[in-house]
Amino acid sequence: MKTASVLRFAEDLWGLDRLADADKRSNSPAGDCFDFNQSPAKFVPITAPLPPRFFMHQFGDDYFAPDYE
């Protein structure tokens, strides 16, 4: 799937005009990737790999996440 097709999908979904030549030429992935007629999948909770305190911690403006994972 090309990046422009994602943009085309958003344009089609919200009734927007084409924003670029690339998305004018692309196809929306909605036709063969999504089935809007089926029921949504049941929610299944997952276990996070880190404890809740990791996700709730507030970092300062100068914090950059480590790039080692």
N, C-alpha and C. Protein backbone atom coordinates (compact mmCIF):
# COMPACT_ATOMS: atom_id res chain seq x y z
N MET A 1 0.85 -1.17 0.00
CA MET A 1 0.00 0.00 0.00
C MET A 1 0.90 1.23 0.00
N LYS A 2 0.61 2.13 -0.86
CA LYS A 2 1.36 3.38 -0.92
C LYS A 2 0.87 4.34 0.16
N THR A 3 1.74 5.25 0.52
CA THR A 3 1.36 6.26 1.51
C THR A 3 0.20 7.11 1.01
N ALA A 4 0.19 7.41 -0.29
CA ALA A 4 -0.88 8.25 -0.85
C ALA A 4 -2.24 7.58 -0.72
N SER A 5 -2.27 6.26 -0.70
CA SER A 5 -3.56 5.59 -0.58
C SER A 5 -4.18 5.81 0.79
N VAL A 6 -3.36 5.97 1.82
CA VAL A 6 -3.87 6.27 3.16
C VAL A 6 -4.48 7.67 3.16
N LEU A 7 -3.80 8.60 2.50
CA LEU A 7 -4.33 9.96 2.37
C LEU A 7 -5.63 9.94 1.57
N ARG A 8 -5.67 9.14 0.51
CA ARG A 8 -6.89 9.02 -0.31
C ARG A 8 -8.05 8.49 0.54
N PHE A 9 -7.76 7.51 1.39
CA PHE A 9 -8.79 6.94 2.27
C PHE A 9 -9.36 8.02 3.19
N ALA A 10 -8.49 8.84 3.80
CA ALA A 10 -8.95 9.90 4.70
C ALA A 10 -9.77 10.92 3.92
N GLU A 11 -9.35 11.26 2.73
CA GLU A 11 -10.10 12.22 1.91
C GLU A 11 -11.49 11.68 1.57
N ASP A 12 -11.54 10.41 1.20
CA ASP A 12 -12.83 9.79 0.87
C ASP A 12 -13.73 9.70 2.10
N LEU A 13 -13.14 9.33 3.24
CA LEU A 13 -13.90 9.14 4.47
C LEU A 13 -14.57 10.43 4.92
N TRP A 14 -13.86 11.54 4.82
CA TRP A 14 -14.39 12.81 5.29
C TRP A 14 -14.85 13.74 4.16
N GLY A 15 -14.93 13.22 2.94
CA GLY A 15 -15.45 14.01 1.83
C GLY A 15 -14.59 15.20 1.45
N LEU A 16 -13.27 15.04 1.55
CA LEU A 16 -12.36 16.12 1.23
C LEU A 16 -11.94 16.08 -0.24
N ASP A 17 -11.52 17.22 -0.77
CA ASP A 17 -10.94 17.26 -2.11
C ASP A 17 -9.56 16.61 -2.07
N ARG A 18 -9.04 16.26 -3.22
CA ARG A 18 -7.70 15.68 -3.31
C ARG A 18 -6.68 16.75 -2.95
N LEU A 19 -5.74 16.39 -2.08
CA LEU A 19 -4.74 17.34 -1.61
C LEU A 19 -3.47 17.34 -2.44
N ALA A 20 -3.22 16.27 -3.18
CA ALA A 20 -1.98 16.16 -3.96
C ALA A 20 -2.22 15.30 -5.20
N ASP A 21 -1.32 15.42 -6.17
CA ASP A 21 -1.44 14.61 -7.38
C ASP A 21 -1.30 13.12 -7.09
N ALA A 22 -0.45 12.78 -6.12
CA ALA A 22 -0.24 11.36 -5.80
C ALA A 22 -1.51 10.68 -5.33
N ASP A 23 -2.30 11.35 -4.51
CA ASP A 23 -3.53 10.71 -4.03
C ASP A 23 -4.64 10.76 -5.08
N LYS A 24 -4.52 11.62 -6.06
CA LYS A 24 -5.46 11.58 -7.19
C LYS A 24 -5.29 10.30 -7.98
N ARG A 25 -4.04 9.84 -8.09
CA ARG A 25 -3.73 8.63 -8.86
C ARG A 25 -3.91 7.35 -8.05
N SER A 26 -3.90 7.44 -6.74
CA SER A 26 -3.94 6.24 -5.90
C SER A 26 -5.36 5.72 -5.71
N ASN A 27 -5.43 4.51 -5.21
CA ASN A 27 -6.71 3.88 -4.86
C ASN A 27 -6.85 3.87 -3.35
N SER A 28 -8.06 4.08 -2.88
CA SER A 28 -8.30 4.00 -1.45
C SER A 28 -8.23 2.54 -1.02
N PRO A 29 -7.59 2.25 0.13
CA PRO A 29 -7.52 0.87 0.60
C PRO A 29 -8.85 0.37 1.18
N ALA A 30 -9.84 1.23 1.26
CA ALA A 30 -11.10 0.84 1.90
C ALA A 30 -11.78 -0.31 1.17
N GLY A 31 -11.65 -0.36 -0.14
CA GLY A 31 -12.35 -1.38 -0.91
C GLY A 31 -11.89 -2.79 -0.65
N ASP A 32 -10.58 -2.99 -0.43
CA ASP A 32 -10.10 -4.35 -0.25
C ASP A 32 -9.41 -4.60 1.10
N CYS A 33 -9.36 -3.61 1.95
CA CYS A 33 -8.70 -3.80 3.25
C CYS A 33 -9.67 -3.75 4.44
N PHE A 34 -10.76 -3.03 4.26
CA PHE A 34 -11.69 -2.83 5.37
C PHE A 34 -13.07 -3.34 5.00
N ASP A 35 -13.76 -3.91 5.99
CA ASP A 35 -15.14 -4.33 5.81
C ASP A 35 -15.96 -3.58 6.85
N PHE A 36 -16.59 -2.49 6.42
CA PHE A 36 -17.33 -1.65 7.34
C PHE A 36 -18.70 -2.23 7.69
N ASN A 37 -19.06 -3.36 7.11
CA ASN A 37 -20.35 -3.99 7.39
C ASN A 37 -20.27 -5.03 8.50
N GLN A 38 -19.09 -5.49 8.84
CA GLN A 38 -18.97 -6.51 9.88
C GLN A 38 -18.97 -5.88 11.26
N SER A 39 -19.31 -6.66 12.25
CA SER A 39 -19.29 -6.19 13.63
C SER A 39 -17.86 -6.01 14.10
N PRO A 40 -17.62 -5.06 14.99
CA PRO A 40 -16.26 -4.89 15.51
C PRO A 40 -15.83 -6.11 16.31
N ALA A 41 -14.53 -6.34 16.35
CA ALA A 41 -13.99 -7.44 17.14
C ALA A 41 -14.20 -7.14 18.63
N LYS A 42 -14.35 -8.19 19.40
CA LYS A 42 -14.53 -8.04 20.84
C LYS A 42 -13.23 -7.51 21.46
N PHE A 43 -13.37 -6.59 22.40
CA PHE A 43 -12.20 -6.04 23.08
C PHE A 43 -11.52 -7.12 23.90
N VAL A 44 -10.22 -7.24 23.74
CA VAL A 44 -9.44 -8.20 24.50
C VAL A 44 -8.32 -7.43 25.19
N PRO A 45 -8.35 -7.34 26.51
CA PRO A 45 -7.27 -6.62 27.20
C PRO A 45 -5.95 -7.37 27.06
N ILE A 46 -4.88 -6.61 26.99
CA ILE A 46 -3.55 -7.22 26.90
C ILE A 46 -2.72 -6.77 28.09
N THR A 47 -1.69 -7.51 28.39
CA THR A 47 -0.79 -7.17 29.48
C THR A 47 0.36 -6.34 28.91
N ALA A 48 0.59 -5.18 29.46
CA ALA A 48 1.67 -4.33 29.00
C ALA A 48 3.01 -4.90 29.46
N PRO A 49 4.07 -4.68 28.67
CA PRO A 49 5.38 -5.21 29.06
C PRO A 49 6.02 -4.44 30.22
N LEU A 50 5.47 -3.27 30.54
CA LEU A 50 6.01 -2.45 31.63
C LEU A 50 4.89 -2.12 32.60
N PRO A 51 5.23 -1.78 33.84
CA PRO A 51 4.19 -1.47 34.85
C PRO A 51 3.48 -0.15 34.54
N PRO A 52 2.27 0.05 35.09
CA PRO A 52 1.51 1.27 34.83
C PRO A 52 2.27 2.55 35.17
N ARG A 53 3.12 2.52 36.20
CA ARG A 53 3.83 3.75 36.57
C ARG A 53 4.73 4.25 35.45
N PHE A 54 5.21 3.34 34.59
CA PHE A 54 6.03 3.77 33.45
C PHE A 54 5.22 4.64 32.49
N PHE A 55 3.99 4.27 32.24
CA PHE A 55 3.15 4.97 31.27
C PHE A 55 2.53 6.24 31.85
N MET A 56 2.40 6.31 33.17
CA MET A 56 1.76 7.45 33.81
C MET A 56 2.75 8.53 34.21
N HIS A 57 4.03 8.26 34.11
CA HIS A 57 5.05 9.23 34.52
C HIS A 57 5.04 10.44 33.60
N GLN A 58 5.08 11.63 34.16
CA GLN A 58 5.11 12.86 33.38
C GLN A 58 6.55 13.31 33.21
N PHE A 59 6.98 13.43 31.97
CA PHE A 59 8.34 13.86 31.68
C PHE A 59 8.38 15.36 31.44
N GLY A 60 9.52 15.98 31.67
CA GLY A 60 9.71 17.39 31.40
C GLY A 60 9.78 17.66 29.90
N ASP A 61 9.80 18.91 29.52
CA ASP A 61 9.84 19.29 28.11
C ASP A 61 11.12 18.87 27.41
N ASP A 62 12.18 18.66 28.15
CA ASP A 62 13.46 18.32 27.53
C ASP A 62 13.72 16.81 27.48
N TYR A 63 12.71 16.00 27.80
CA TYR A 63 12.88 14.55 27.80
C TYR A 63 12.77 13.99 26.39
N PHE A 64 13.72 13.13 26.03
CA PHE A 64 13.66 12.40 24.77
C PHE A 64 13.66 10.91 25.10
N ALA A 65 12.72 10.18 24.56
CA ALA A 65 12.62 8.74 24.83
C ALA A 65 13.87 8.04 24.31
N PRO A 66 14.36 7.05 25.03
CA PRO A 66 15.55 6.32 24.57
C PRO A 66 15.23 5.55 23.28
N ASP A 67 16.21 5.41 22.44
CA ASP A 67 16.02 4.75 21.15
C ASP A 67 16.64 3.34 21.13
N TYR A 68 16.69 2.69 22.26
CA TYR A 68 17.36 1.41 22.32
C TYR A 68 16.42 0.22 22.19
N GLU A 69 15.11 0.45 22.17
CA GLU A 69 14.18 -0.69 22.11
C GLU A 69 13.69 -0.90 20.71
